[in-house]
């Protein structure tokens, strides 16, 4: 009799935990759909603590990743790039190891899209700071030779270091992909123009033009 009673109690507790977990996941889904992302994240995290190996825990983990990504996107749209990419990093670290490379590529893509938006506006000290910040994000996760060269060229150009600019410009030209997309097309077009101006100034005996900030030029979509 005691064994039967014990089994009944255990089963009752299991069902109670399942119901609680299911309810938390449903609340998390509802909050996420309503854009209440902090509340959604809290519900998903609470659901996972109930039982990390259950089917509902798996659903909660998926919802949690989506809510964290949505929160980073929201902050980015509000214009706080620093906080947004901190949140993207948190989202990246929450991904399973086998998904981390895809997550890194997504962050790089988001940083490149943010760069397009910066390049489409009037350049000033603030926008240059934004470009430097975004370049750091991109190079943190993508160390391909072309991207390293083109961002190093931009930094050197901003610092009026012509020698370093020319060296990185040459390397970027050598490594340039056949199908370039924004923001790299905008930057390469700008660099090409400035290098031609430097060559013309030398041939004409004039003084070398001083480097300026990147141009206010509208970005395009990926090709």
N, C-alpha and C. Protein backbone atom coordinates (compact mmCIF):
# COMPACT_ATOMS: atom_id res chain seq x y z
N UNK A 1 0.83 -1.21 0.00
CA UNK A 1 0.00 0.00 0.00
C UNK A 1 0.87 1.26 0.00
N UNK A 2 1.94 1.22 0.81
CA UNK A 2 2.84 2.37 0.89
C UNK A 2 3.52 2.62 -0.45
N UNK A 3 3.90 1.50 -1.14
CA UNK A 3 4.56 1.63 -2.44
C UNK A 3 3.62 2.27 -3.45
N UNK A 4 2.35 1.86 -3.41
CA UNK A 4 1.36 2.42 -4.33
C UNK A 4 1.17 3.90 -4.05
N UNK A 5 1.07 4.24 -2.78
CA UNK A 5 0.89 5.65 -2.39
C UNK A 5 2.09 6.48 -2.83
N UNK A 6 3.30 5.90 -2.65
CA UNK A 6 4.52 6.61 -3.05
C UNK A 6 4.52 6.86 -4.56
N UNK A 7 4.14 5.86 -5.34
CA UNK A 7 4.09 5.99 -6.80
C UNK A 7 3.09 7.06 -7.22
N UNK A 8 1.97 7.09 -6.54
CA UNK A 8 0.93 8.09 -6.84
C UNK A 8 1.46 9.50 -6.59
N UNK A 9 2.16 9.64 -5.47
CA UNK A 9 2.72 10.95 -5.12
C UNK A 9 3.76 11.39 -6.16
N UNK A 10 4.64 10.45 -6.55
CA UNK A 10 5.68 10.76 -7.53
C UNK A 10 5.07 11.16 -8.87
N UNK A 11 4.09 10.38 -9.31
CA UNK A 11 3.42 10.68 -10.59
C UNK A 11 2.74 12.03 -10.54
N UNK A 12 2.11 12.30 -9.38
CA UNK A 12 1.43 13.59 -9.20
C UNK A 12 2.41 14.76 -9.30
N UNK A 13 3.59 14.58 -8.68
CA UNK A 13 4.61 15.63 -8.72
C UNK A 13 5.14 15.84 -10.14
N UNK A 14 5.31 14.72 -10.87
CA UNK A 14 5.79 14.81 -12.25
C UNK A 14 4.80 15.57 -13.12
N UNK A 15 3.53 15.23 -12.98
CA UNK A 15 2.49 15.91 -13.76
C UNK A 15 2.41 17.39 -13.40
N UNK A 16 2.57 17.66 -12.10
CA UNK A 16 2.52 19.06 -11.64
C UNK A 16 3.67 19.86 -12.23
N UNK A 17 4.88 19.26 -12.26
CA UNK A 17 6.06 19.94 -12.83
C UNK A 17 5.88 20.15 -14.32
N UNK A 18 5.32 19.13 -15.00
CA UNK A 18 5.09 19.25 -16.45
C UNK A 18 4.11 20.37 -16.76
N UNK A 19 3.04 20.43 -15.97
CA UNK A 19 2.03 21.47 -16.18
C UNK A 19 2.60 22.86 -15.93
N UNK A 20 3.43 22.96 -14.88
CA UNK A 20 4.05 24.25 -14.56
C UNK A 20 4.99 24.68 -15.69
N UNK A 21 5.77 23.73 -16.17
CA UNK A 21 6.73 24.01 -17.24
C UNK A 21 6.01 24.41 -18.53
N UNK A 22 4.97 23.67 -18.84
CA UNK A 22 4.17 23.97 -20.03
C UNK A 22 3.57 25.37 -19.94
N UNK A 23 3.04 25.69 -18.78
CA UNK A 23 2.43 27.01 -18.57
C UNK A 23 3.46 28.13 -18.72
N UNK A 24 4.68 27.91 -18.19
CA UNK A 24 5.74 28.92 -18.28
C UNK A 24 6.16 29.15 -19.74
N UNK A 25 6.27 28.06 -20.50
CA UNK A 25 6.64 28.18 -21.91
C UNK A 25 5.56 28.94 -22.67
N UNK A 26 4.31 28.64 -22.40
CA UNK A 26 3.21 29.32 -23.09
C UNK A 26 3.19 30.81 -22.74
N UNK A 27 3.47 31.12 -21.47
CA UNK A 27 3.55 32.53 -21.06
C UNK A 27 4.71 33.22 -21.77
N UNK A 28 5.85 32.51 -21.85
CA UNK A 28 7.01 33.07 -22.54
C UNK A 28 6.71 33.37 -24.00
N UNK A 29 6.02 32.42 -24.67
CA UNK A 29 5.64 32.61 -26.07
C UNK A 29 4.74 33.83 -26.24
N UNK A 30 3.79 33.95 -25.33
CA UNK A 30 2.83 35.07 -25.38
C UNK A 30 3.54 36.41 -25.21
N UNK A 31 4.42 36.48 -24.21
CA UNK A 31 5.16 37.72 -23.98
C UNK A 31 6.06 38.07 -25.17
N UNK A 32 6.69 37.04 -25.75
CA UNK A 32 7.58 37.29 -26.90
C UNK A 32 6.80 37.85 -28.08
N UNK A 33 5.63 37.28 -28.34
CA UNK A 33 4.79 37.76 -29.44
C UNK A 33 4.32 39.19 -29.21
N UNK A 34 4.15 39.55 -27.94
CA UNK A 34 3.70 40.91 -27.59
C UNK A 34 4.86 41.90 -27.52
N UNK A 35 6.09 41.40 -27.71
CA UNK A 35 7.25 42.28 -27.65
C UNK A 35 7.75 42.56 -26.25
N UNK A 36 7.20 41.84 -25.26
CA UNK A 36 7.65 41.99 -23.87
C UNK A 36 8.78 40.99 -23.64
N UNK A 37 9.94 41.35 -24.13
CA UNK A 37 11.03 40.39 -24.25
C UNK A 37 11.70 40.05 -22.93
N UNK A 38 11.83 41.01 -22.03
CA UNK A 38 12.42 40.70 -20.72
C UNK A 38 11.54 39.71 -19.96
N UNK A 39 10.22 39.92 -20.04
CA UNK A 39 9.29 39.00 -19.38
C UNK A 39 9.36 37.61 -20.00
N UNK A 40 9.47 37.59 -21.34
CA UNK A 40 9.57 36.31 -22.04
C UNK A 40 10.83 35.55 -21.63
N UNK A 41 11.95 36.25 -21.58
CA UNK A 41 13.22 35.63 -21.20
C UNK A 41 13.14 35.05 -19.79
N UNK A 42 12.52 35.81 -18.88
CA UNK A 42 12.38 35.35 -17.49
C UNK A 42 11.55 34.07 -17.42
N UNK A 43 10.46 33.99 -18.18
CA UNK A 43 9.59 32.80 -18.16
C UNK A 43 10.31 31.59 -18.74
N UNK A 44 11.02 31.80 -19.85
CA UNK A 44 11.74 30.67 -20.46
C UNK A 44 12.82 30.14 -19.52
N UNK A 45 13.55 31.04 -18.88
CA UNK A 45 14.62 30.63 -17.97
C UNK A 45 14.05 29.87 -16.77
N UNK A 46 12.90 30.33 -16.29
CA UNK A 46 12.25 29.64 -15.17
C UNK A 46 11.77 28.26 -15.59
N UNK A 47 11.25 28.16 -16.81
CA UNK A 47 10.78 26.87 -17.32
C UNK A 47 11.92 25.86 -17.44
N UNK A 48 13.07 26.31 -17.88
CA UNK A 48 14.22 25.41 -18.04
C UNK A 48 14.68 24.87 -16.69
N UNK A 49 14.59 25.69 -15.66
CA UNK A 49 15.02 25.26 -14.33
C UNK A 49 14.16 24.13 -13.77
N UNK A 50 12.91 24.05 -14.21
CA UNK A 50 12.00 23.01 -13.70
C UNK A 50 12.52 21.63 -14.06
N UNK A 51 12.91 21.47 -15.32
CA UNK A 51 13.46 20.18 -15.78
C UNK A 51 14.19 20.44 -17.10
N UNK A 52 15.52 20.42 -17.04
CA UNK A 52 16.33 20.81 -18.20
C UNK A 52 16.30 19.78 -19.33
N UNK A 53 15.81 18.57 -19.07
CA UNK A 53 15.87 17.51 -20.07
C UNK A 53 14.52 17.19 -20.71
N UNK A 54 13.49 17.87 -20.31
CA UNK A 54 12.15 17.55 -20.82
C UNK A 54 11.91 18.17 -22.20
N UNK A 55 10.82 17.75 -22.81
CA UNK A 55 10.43 18.31 -24.12
C UNK A 55 10.11 19.78 -23.99
N UNK A 56 9.48 20.17 -22.89
CA UNK A 56 9.14 21.58 -22.68
C UNK A 56 10.40 22.42 -22.46
N UNK A 57 11.42 21.81 -21.87
CA UNK A 57 12.69 22.53 -21.69
C UNK A 57 13.31 22.84 -23.05
N UNK A 58 13.21 21.89 -23.96
CA UNK A 58 13.72 22.10 -25.32
C UNK A 58 12.98 23.25 -25.99
N UNK A 59 11.67 23.30 -25.81
CA UNK A 59 10.87 24.39 -26.37
C UNK A 59 11.25 25.72 -25.73
N UNK A 60 11.50 25.68 -24.41
CA UNK A 60 11.87 26.90 -23.69
C UNK A 60 13.22 27.43 -24.17
N UNK A 61 14.16 26.51 -24.43
CA UNK A 61 15.49 26.92 -24.90
C UNK A 61 15.40 27.58 -26.28
N UNK A 62 14.56 27.03 -27.14
CA UNK A 62 14.36 27.62 -28.46
C UNK A 62 13.74 29.01 -28.33
N UNK A 63 12.73 29.12 -27.49
CA UNK A 63 12.08 30.41 -27.27
C UNK A 63 13.01 31.43 -26.66
N UNK A 64 13.87 30.96 -25.75
CA UNK A 64 14.83 31.85 -25.10
C UNK A 64 15.81 32.44 -26.10
N UNK A 65 16.32 31.61 -27.00
CA UNK A 65 17.23 32.09 -28.04
C UNK A 65 16.56 33.14 -28.92
N UNK A 66 15.31 32.87 -29.30
CA UNK A 66 14.58 33.81 -30.15
C UNK A 66 14.34 35.13 -29.42
N UNK A 67 13.98 35.05 -28.15
CA UNK A 67 13.70 36.26 -27.37
C UNK A 67 14.96 37.10 -27.18
N UNK A 68 16.10 36.44 -26.94
CA UNK A 68 17.36 37.16 -26.77
C UNK A 68 17.77 37.86 -28.07
N UNK A 69 17.58 37.16 -29.18
CA UNK A 69 17.92 37.76 -30.47
C UNK A 69 16.99 38.93 -30.77
N UNK A 70 15.69 38.74 -30.52
CA UNK A 70 14.72 39.82 -30.74
C UNK A 70 15.02 41.05 -29.89
N UNK A 71 15.49 40.82 -28.66
CA UNK A 71 15.83 41.94 -27.78
C UNK A 71 17.02 42.72 -28.34
N UNK A 72 18.04 41.99 -28.82
CA UNK A 72 19.21 42.66 -29.41
C UNK A 72 18.81 43.46 -30.63
N UNK A 73 17.94 42.88 -31.48
CA UNK A 73 17.45 43.59 -32.66
C UNK A 73 16.71 44.86 -32.28
N UNK A 74 15.89 44.78 -31.27
CA UNK A 74 15.09 45.93 -30.82
C UNK A 74 16.00 47.06 -30.36
N UNK A 75 17.01 46.72 -29.56
CA UNK A 75 17.95 47.72 -29.05
C UNK A 75 18.74 48.34 -30.20
N UNK A 76 19.10 47.51 -31.20
CA UNK A 76 19.83 48.03 -32.36
C UNK A 76 18.98 49.04 -33.13
N UNK A 77 17.71 48.73 -33.32
CA UNK A 77 16.80 49.64 -34.03
C UNK A 77 16.61 50.95 -33.28
N UNK A 78 16.74 50.88 -31.96
CA UNK A 78 16.62 52.09 -31.14
C UNK A 78 17.88 52.94 -31.20
N UNK A 79 18.94 52.42 -31.83
CA UNK A 79 20.16 53.20 -32.06
C UNK A 79 21.29 52.98 -31.09
N UNK A 80 21.10 52.10 -30.10
CA UNK A 80 22.18 51.85 -29.13
C UNK A 80 23.01 50.67 -29.62
N UNK A 81 23.97 50.93 -30.51
CA UNK A 81 24.76 49.87 -31.12
C UNK A 81 25.60 49.10 -30.10
N UNK A 82 26.20 49.81 -29.17
CA UNK A 82 27.06 49.16 -28.18
C UNK A 82 26.28 48.12 -27.38
N UNK A 83 25.15 48.52 -26.85
CA UNK A 83 24.33 47.60 -26.05
C UNK A 83 23.77 46.48 -26.92
N UNK A 84 23.38 46.82 -28.14
CA UNK A 84 22.80 45.81 -29.05
C UNK A 84 23.78 44.69 -29.31
N UNK A 85 25.04 45.03 -29.59
CA UNK A 85 26.00 43.99 -29.91
C UNK A 85 26.50 43.27 -28.66
N UNK A 86 26.36 43.87 -27.50
CA UNK A 86 26.58 43.13 -26.26
C UNK A 86 25.52 42.04 -26.12
N UNK A 87 24.27 42.40 -26.47
CA UNK A 87 23.17 41.44 -26.41
C UNK A 87 23.31 40.35 -27.47
N UNK A 88 23.81 40.74 -28.65
CA UNK A 88 24.07 39.72 -29.68
C UNK A 88 25.11 38.72 -29.18
N UNK A 89 26.11 39.21 -28.46
CA UNK A 89 27.14 38.33 -27.90
C UNK A 89 26.53 37.37 -26.88
N UNK A 90 25.62 37.89 -26.05
CA UNK A 90 24.94 37.03 -25.07
C UNK A 90 24.12 35.96 -25.80
N UNK A 91 23.46 36.37 -26.87
CA UNK A 91 22.70 35.42 -27.67
C UNK A 91 23.62 34.36 -28.27
N UNK A 92 24.76 34.80 -28.79
CA UNK A 92 25.74 33.87 -29.36
C UNK A 92 26.17 32.84 -28.33
N UNK A 93 26.49 33.30 -27.14
CA UNK A 93 26.98 32.40 -26.10
C UNK A 93 25.90 31.43 -25.62
N UNK A 94 24.63 31.76 -25.85
CA UNK A 94 23.54 30.88 -25.46
C UNK A 94 23.28 29.79 -26.50
N UNK A 95 23.84 29.96 -27.68
CA UNK A 95 23.64 28.97 -28.74
C UNK A 95 24.43 27.70 -28.45
N UNK A 96 23.91 26.55 -28.89
CA UNK A 96 24.70 25.31 -28.78
C UNK A 96 25.99 25.44 -29.57
N UNK A 97 27.01 24.71 -29.18
CA UNK A 97 28.32 24.81 -29.83
C UNK A 97 28.24 24.58 -31.34
N UNK A 98 27.40 23.65 -31.76
CA UNK A 98 27.31 23.34 -33.19
C UNK A 98 26.63 24.44 -34.00
N UNK A 99 26.01 25.39 -33.32
CA UNK A 99 25.32 26.49 -34.01
C UNK A 99 26.09 27.81 -33.92
N UNK A 100 27.19 27.81 -33.21
CA UNK A 100 27.89 29.07 -32.93
C UNK A 100 28.46 29.73 -34.19
N UNK A 101 28.96 28.95 -35.13
CA UNK A 101 29.50 29.54 -36.35
C UNK A 101 28.41 30.26 -37.15
N UNK A 102 27.23 29.66 -37.23
CA UNK A 102 26.11 30.31 -37.90
C UNK A 102 25.73 31.59 -37.18
N UNK A 103 25.75 31.54 -35.84
CA UNK A 103 25.40 32.72 -35.05
C UNK A 103 26.41 33.84 -35.27
N UNK A 104 27.70 33.48 -35.35
CA UNK A 104 28.74 34.48 -35.60
C UNK A 104 28.53 35.14 -36.96
N UNK A 105 28.20 34.33 -37.96
CA UNK A 105 27.95 34.87 -39.31
C UNK A 105 26.77 35.83 -39.29
N UNK A 106 25.77 35.51 -38.48
CA UNK A 106 24.59 36.38 -38.38
C UNK A 106 24.95 37.72 -37.73
N UNK A 107 25.79 37.68 -36.72
CA UNK A 107 26.22 38.92 -36.06
C UNK A 107 27.03 39.78 -37.04
N UNK A 108 27.92 39.14 -37.79
CA UNK A 108 28.72 39.88 -38.79
C UNK A 108 27.79 40.53 -39.82
N UNK A 109 26.81 39.78 -40.29
CA UNK A 109 25.86 40.30 -41.26
C UNK A 109 25.10 41.50 -40.69
N UNK A 110 24.68 41.40 -39.43
CA UNK A 110 23.97 42.51 -38.79
C UNK A 110 24.86 43.74 -38.66
N UNK A 111 26.13 43.52 -38.33
CA UNK A 111 27.06 44.64 -38.22
C UNK A 111 27.29 45.29 -39.57
N UNK A 112 27.36 44.48 -40.62
CA UNK A 112 27.54 45.03 -41.98
C UNK A 112 26.31 45.82 -42.41
N UNK A 113 25.13 45.33 -42.08
CA UNK A 113 23.91 46.08 -42.40
C UNK A 113 23.85 47.39 -41.64
N UNK A 114 24.30 47.37 -40.38
CA UNK A 114 24.35 48.61 -39.59
C UNK A 114 25.35 49.58 -40.21
N UNK A 115 26.45 49.05 -40.75
CA UNK A 115 27.46 49.88 -41.41
C UNK A 115 26.88 50.57 -42.64
N UNK A 116 26.05 49.86 -43.38
CA UNK A 116 25.39 50.45 -44.54
C UNK A 116 24.56 51.66 -44.12
N UNK A 117 23.85 51.50 -43.02
CA UNK A 117 23.00 52.61 -42.54
C UNK A 117 23.85 53.81 -42.13
N UNK A 118 25.01 53.54 -41.50
CA UNK A 118 25.89 54.64 -41.10
C UNK A 118 26.45 55.35 -42.34
N UNK A 119 26.86 54.58 -43.34
CA UNK A 119 27.44 55.15 -44.56
C UNK A 119 26.43 55.94 -45.37
N UNK A 120 25.14 55.67 -45.16
CA UNK A 120 24.12 56.38 -45.93
C UNK A 120 23.81 57.76 -45.36
N UNK A 121 24.41 58.06 -44.20
CA UNK A 121 24.14 59.35 -43.55
C UNK A 121 25.35 60.27 -43.70
N UNK A 122 25.16 61.52 -43.29
CA UNK A 122 26.24 62.50 -43.31
C UNK A 122 27.34 62.08 -42.34
N UNK A 123 28.56 62.05 -42.80
CA UNK A 123 29.66 61.63 -41.95
C UNK A 123 30.07 62.73 -40.97
N UNK A 124 30.27 62.37 -39.73
CA UNK A 124 30.77 63.27 -38.70
C UNK A 124 31.54 62.44 -37.68
N UNK A 125 31.99 63.06 -36.62
CA UNK A 125 32.81 62.34 -35.63
C UNK A 125 32.05 61.16 -35.04
N UNK A 126 30.77 61.36 -34.79
CA UNK A 126 29.96 60.29 -34.20
C UNK A 126 29.84 59.10 -35.15
N UNK A 127 29.58 59.39 -36.42
CA UNK A 127 29.42 58.30 -37.38
C UNK A 127 30.74 57.55 -37.60
N UNK A 128 31.86 58.26 -37.56
CA UNK A 128 33.16 57.62 -37.69
C UNK A 128 33.39 56.68 -36.50
N UNK A 129 33.01 57.12 -35.30
CA UNK A 129 33.12 56.25 -34.12
C UNK A 129 32.27 55.00 -34.30
N UNK A 130 31.07 55.19 -34.88
CA UNK A 130 30.19 54.04 -35.11
C UNK A 130 30.83 53.06 -36.09
N UNK A 131 31.44 53.60 -37.15
CA UNK A 131 32.10 52.74 -38.14
C UNK A 131 33.26 51.96 -37.51
N UNK A 132 34.03 52.61 -36.66
CA UNK A 132 35.14 51.94 -35.99
C UNK A 132 34.62 50.83 -35.08
N UNK A 133 33.55 51.14 -34.35
CA UNK A 133 32.96 50.14 -33.46
C UNK A 133 32.47 48.93 -34.25
N UNK A 134 31.77 49.19 -35.35
CA UNK A 134 31.24 48.10 -36.18
C UNK A 134 32.36 47.31 -36.84
N UNK A 135 33.42 48.00 -37.23
CA UNK A 135 34.57 47.30 -37.81
C UNK A 135 35.17 46.32 -36.80
N UNK A 136 35.24 46.74 -35.54
CA UNK A 136 35.75 45.86 -34.48
C UNK A 136 34.86 44.62 -34.33
N UNK A 137 33.54 44.82 -34.40
CA UNK A 137 32.61 43.70 -34.29
C UNK A 137 32.81 42.73 -35.45
N UNK A 138 32.89 43.26 -36.66
CA UNK A 138 33.04 42.42 -37.85
C UNK A 138 34.34 41.62 -37.78
N UNK A 139 35.44 42.30 -37.44
CA UNK A 139 36.74 41.63 -37.40
C UNK A 139 36.87 40.68 -36.21
N UNK A 140 36.04 40.85 -35.21
CA UNK A 140 36.04 39.94 -34.07
C UNK A 140 35.65 38.53 -34.50
N UNK A 141 34.73 38.47 -35.50
CA UNK A 141 34.20 37.18 -35.92
C UNK A 141 34.55 36.81 -37.36
N UNK A 142 35.16 37.71 -38.09
CA UNK A 142 35.51 37.42 -39.49
C UNK A 142 36.87 38.05 -39.80
N UNK A 143 37.90 37.20 -39.84
CA UNK A 143 39.27 37.68 -40.06
C UNK A 143 39.76 37.41 -41.48
N UNK A 144 38.83 37.38 -42.46
CA UNK A 144 39.26 37.19 -43.84
C UNK A 144 40.15 38.36 -44.27
N UNK A 145 41.09 38.07 -45.16
CA UNK A 145 42.12 39.05 -45.53
C UNK A 145 41.52 40.33 -46.10
N UNK A 146 40.50 40.20 -46.95
CA UNK A 146 39.90 41.39 -47.56
C UNK A 146 39.29 42.30 -46.52
N UNK A 147 38.53 41.72 -45.59
CA UNK A 147 37.86 42.55 -44.59
C UNK A 147 38.87 43.20 -43.64
N UNK A 148 39.91 42.48 -43.28
CA UNK A 148 40.95 43.08 -42.45
C UNK A 148 41.60 44.25 -43.17
N UNK A 149 41.90 44.07 -44.44
CA UNK A 149 42.59 45.12 -45.21
C UNK A 149 41.71 46.35 -45.38
N UNK A 150 40.44 46.15 -45.73
CA UNK A 150 39.60 47.30 -46.03
C UNK A 150 39.27 48.11 -44.78
N UNK A 151 39.07 47.40 -43.65
CA UNK A 151 38.79 48.15 -42.42
C UNK A 151 40.05 48.83 -41.88
N UNK A 152 41.19 48.18 -42.03
CA UNK A 152 42.45 48.83 -41.64
C UNK A 152 42.72 50.04 -42.51
N UNK A 153 42.35 49.96 -43.79
CA UNK A 153 42.51 51.10 -44.68
C UNK A 153 41.64 52.27 -44.22
N UNK A 154 40.41 51.98 -43.83
CA UNK A 154 39.51 53.04 -43.35
C UNK A 154 40.08 53.70 -42.10
N UNK A 155 40.58 52.90 -41.16
CA UNK A 155 41.14 53.46 -39.93
C UNK A 155 42.35 54.34 -40.23
N UNK A 156 43.22 53.86 -41.12
CA UNK A 156 44.42 54.63 -41.48
C UNK A 156 44.05 55.92 -42.19
N UNK A 157 43.03 55.85 -43.05
CA UNK A 157 42.59 57.03 -43.78
C UNK A 157 42.04 58.08 -42.81
N UNK A 158 41.26 57.62 -41.84
CA UNK A 158 40.71 58.54 -40.84
C UNK A 158 41.81 59.18 -40.01
N UNK A 159 42.88 58.42 -39.76
CA UNK A 159 44.01 58.93 -38.97
C UNK A 159 45.03 59.69 -39.83
N UNK A 160 44.74 59.81 -41.14
CA UNK A 160 45.61 60.51 -42.09
C UNK A 160 46.99 59.85 -42.20
N UNK A 161 47.01 58.55 -42.03
CA UNK A 161 48.25 57.79 -42.18
C UNK A 161 48.26 57.22 -43.61
N UNK A 162 48.78 58.01 -44.53
CA UNK A 162 48.70 57.69 -45.95
C UNK A 162 49.43 56.40 -46.31
N UNK A 163 50.60 56.18 -45.72
CA UNK A 163 51.38 54.99 -46.05
C UNK A 163 50.63 53.71 -45.68
N UNK A 164 50.09 53.67 -44.46
CA UNK A 164 49.34 52.49 -44.02
C UNK A 164 48.06 52.35 -44.83
N UNK A 165 47.43 53.48 -45.15
CA UNK A 165 46.22 53.45 -45.98
C UNK A 165 46.51 52.81 -47.34
N UNK A 166 47.57 53.28 -48.01
CA UNK A 166 47.91 52.77 -49.34
C UNK A 166 48.24 51.28 -49.30
N UNK A 167 48.99 50.86 -48.28
CA UNK A 167 49.35 49.44 -48.17
C UNK A 167 48.11 48.56 -48.01
N UNK A 168 47.18 49.00 -47.16
CA UNK A 168 45.97 48.22 -46.95
C UNK A 168 45.02 48.32 -48.14
N UNK A 169 45.04 49.47 -48.81
CA UNK A 169 44.23 49.64 -50.03
C UNK A 169 44.69 48.65 -51.10
N UNK A 170 46.01 48.52 -51.24
CA UNK A 170 46.57 47.59 -52.23
C UNK A 170 46.17 46.15 -51.89
N UNK A 171 46.26 45.80 -50.61
CA UNK A 171 45.90 44.44 -50.21
C UNK A 171 44.41 44.17 -50.41
N UNK A 172 43.58 45.17 -50.08
CA UNK A 172 42.14 45.02 -50.27
C UNK A 172 41.82 44.84 -51.75
N UNK A 173 42.53 45.58 -52.61
CA UNK A 173 42.31 45.47 -54.06
C UNK A 173 42.69 44.08 -54.56
N UNK A 174 43.79 43.55 -54.03
CA UNK A 174 44.24 42.21 -54.44
C UNK A 174 43.28 41.11 -53.97
N UNK A 175 42.70 41.31 -52.79
CA UNK A 175 41.84 40.28 -52.20
C UNK A 175 40.35 40.52 -52.50
N UNK A 176 40.07 41.57 -53.26
CA UNK A 176 38.67 41.98 -53.48
C UNK A 176 37.84 40.84 -54.06
N UNK A 177 36.69 40.49 -53.42
CA UNK A 177 35.82 39.43 -53.97
C UNK A 177 35.22 39.85 -55.31
N UNK A 178 34.92 38.87 -56.14
CA UNK A 178 34.32 39.18 -57.44
C UNK A 178 32.95 39.81 -57.29
N UNK A 179 32.18 39.32 -56.31
CA UNK A 179 30.84 39.89 -56.06
C UNK A 179 30.88 40.65 -54.75
N UNK A 180 31.19 41.92 -54.82
CA UNK A 180 31.21 42.74 -53.61
C UNK A 180 29.81 43.22 -53.29
N UNK A 181 29.56 43.42 -52.04
CA UNK A 181 28.28 43.96 -51.61
C UNK A 181 28.53 45.10 -50.63
N UNK A 182 27.50 45.88 -50.39
CA UNK A 182 27.63 46.96 -49.42
C UNK A 182 27.89 46.36 -48.04
N UNK A 183 28.69 47.03 -47.19
CA UNK A 183 29.26 48.37 -47.37
C UNK A 183 30.58 48.40 -48.13
N UNK A 184 31.09 47.24 -48.52
CA UNK A 184 32.44 47.17 -49.09
C UNK A 184 32.54 47.83 -50.46
N UNK A 185 31.47 47.76 -51.24
CA UNK A 185 31.50 48.44 -52.53
C UNK A 185 31.62 49.95 -52.34
N UNK A 186 30.86 50.49 -51.39
CA UNK A 186 30.93 51.93 -51.11
C UNK A 186 32.33 52.32 -50.66
N UNK A 187 32.92 51.54 -49.77
CA UNK A 187 34.25 51.87 -49.27
C UNK A 187 35.32 51.75 -50.36
N UNK A 188 35.25 50.71 -51.18
CA UNK A 188 36.24 50.54 -52.25
C UNK A 188 36.10 51.63 -53.30
N UNK A 189 34.87 51.99 -53.65
CA UNK A 189 34.67 53.10 -54.60
C UNK A 189 35.27 54.39 -54.06
N UNK A 190 35.06 54.63 -52.78
CA UNK A 190 35.59 55.83 -52.12
C UNK A 190 37.11 55.82 -52.13
N UNK A 191 37.71 54.66 -51.77
CA UNK A 191 39.16 54.54 -51.76
C UNK A 191 39.74 54.70 -53.16
N UNK A 192 39.09 54.09 -54.15
CA UNK A 192 39.55 54.22 -55.54
C UNK A 192 39.61 55.69 -55.95
N UNK A 193 38.56 56.42 -55.59
CA UNK A 193 38.48 57.84 -55.94
C UNK A 193 39.61 58.63 -55.28
N UNK A 194 39.86 58.37 -54.00
CA UNK A 194 40.88 59.12 -53.27
C UNK A 194 42.29 58.79 -53.77
N UNK A 195 42.51 57.54 -54.13
CA UNK A 195 43.83 57.16 -54.66
C UNK A 195 44.07 57.83 -56.01
N UNK A 196 43.04 57.89 -56.86
CA UNK A 196 43.17 58.58 -58.15
C UNK A 196 43.46 60.07 -57.93
N UNK A 197 42.85 60.68 -56.93
CA UNK A 197 43.11 62.08 -56.61
C UNK A 197 44.56 62.27 -56.17
N UNK A 198 45.06 61.34 -55.38
CA UNK A 198 46.45 61.41 -54.93
C UNK A 198 47.42 61.31 -56.11
N UNK A 199 47.13 60.37 -57.02
CA UNK A 199 47.98 60.19 -58.20
C UNK A 199 47.95 61.44 -59.07
N UNK A 200 46.75 62.01 -59.27
CA UNK A 200 46.61 63.23 -60.09
C UNK A 200 47.36 64.39 -59.46
N UNK A 201 47.30 64.49 -58.13
CA UNK A 201 47.99 65.58 -57.43
C UNK A 201 49.50 65.46 -57.59
N UNK A 202 50.01 64.23 -57.54
CA UNK A 202 51.45 64.01 -57.69
C UNK A 202 51.90 64.32 -59.11
N UNK A 203 51.10 63.91 -60.09
CA UNK A 203 51.45 64.14 -61.49
C UNK A 203 51.37 65.62 -61.84
N UNK A 204 50.46 66.32 -61.18
CA UNK A 204 50.30 67.76 -61.45
C UNK A 204 51.20 68.62 -60.61
N UNK A 205 51.94 67.97 -59.72
CA UNK A 205 52.87 68.74 -58.88
C UNK A 205 52.21 69.40 -57.72
N UNK A 206 50.90 69.13 -57.53
CA UNK A 206 50.20 69.75 -56.40
C UNK A 206 50.43 68.98 -55.13
N UNK A 207 49.91 69.50 -54.05
CA UNK A 207 50.05 68.83 -52.76
C UNK A 207 49.05 67.70 -52.66
N UNK A 208 49.40 66.70 -51.92
CA UNK A 208 48.53 65.53 -51.74
C UNK A 208 47.29 65.93 -50.96
N UNK A 209 46.10 65.57 -51.45
CA UNK A 209 44.88 65.95 -50.74
C UNK A 209 44.80 65.27 -49.39
N UNK A 210 44.30 66.01 -48.40
CA UNK A 210 44.18 65.44 -47.06
C UNK A 210 43.04 64.45 -47.02
N UNK A 211 43.23 63.34 -46.28
CA UNK A 211 42.14 62.37 -46.14
C UNK A 211 40.93 62.99 -45.47
N UNK A 212 39.77 62.55 -45.87
CA UNK A 212 38.53 63.01 -45.26
C UNK A 212 37.79 61.79 -44.74
N UNK A 213 36.70 62.05 -44.02
CA UNK A 213 35.89 60.95 -43.51
C UNK A 213 35.21 60.24 -44.67
N UNK A 214 34.72 59.02 -44.41
CA UNK A 214 34.00 58.26 -45.44
C UNK A 214 32.80 59.05 -45.93
N UNK A 215 32.37 58.84 -47.18
CA UNK A 215 31.35 59.68 -47.80
C UNK A 215 29.95 59.41 -47.29
N UNK A 216 29.09 60.41 -47.42
CA UNK A 216 27.68 60.22 -47.13
C UNK A 216 27.06 59.62 -48.38
N UNK A 217 26.94 58.29 -48.38
CA UNK A 217 26.49 57.62 -49.59
C UNK A 217 25.53 56.52 -49.21
N UNK A 218 24.46 56.41 -49.97
CA UNK A 218 23.45 55.42 -49.63
C UNK A 218 23.99 54.02 -49.88
N UNK A 219 23.64 53.11 -48.97
CA UNK A 219 24.04 51.73 -49.11
C UNK A 219 23.07 50.96 -49.98
N UNK A 220 23.42 49.76 -50.28
CA UNK A 220 22.55 48.90 -51.07
C UNK A 220 22.35 47.58 -50.39
N UNK A 221 21.66 46.71 -51.05
CA UNK A 221 21.38 45.39 -50.50
C UNK A 221 22.46 44.42 -50.93
N UNK A 222 22.53 43.32 -50.20
CA UNK A 222 23.47 42.28 -50.59
C UNK A 222 23.13 41.74 -51.95
N UNK A 223 24.12 41.46 -52.70
CA UNK A 223 23.92 40.84 -54.03
C UNK A 223 24.36 39.38 -53.95
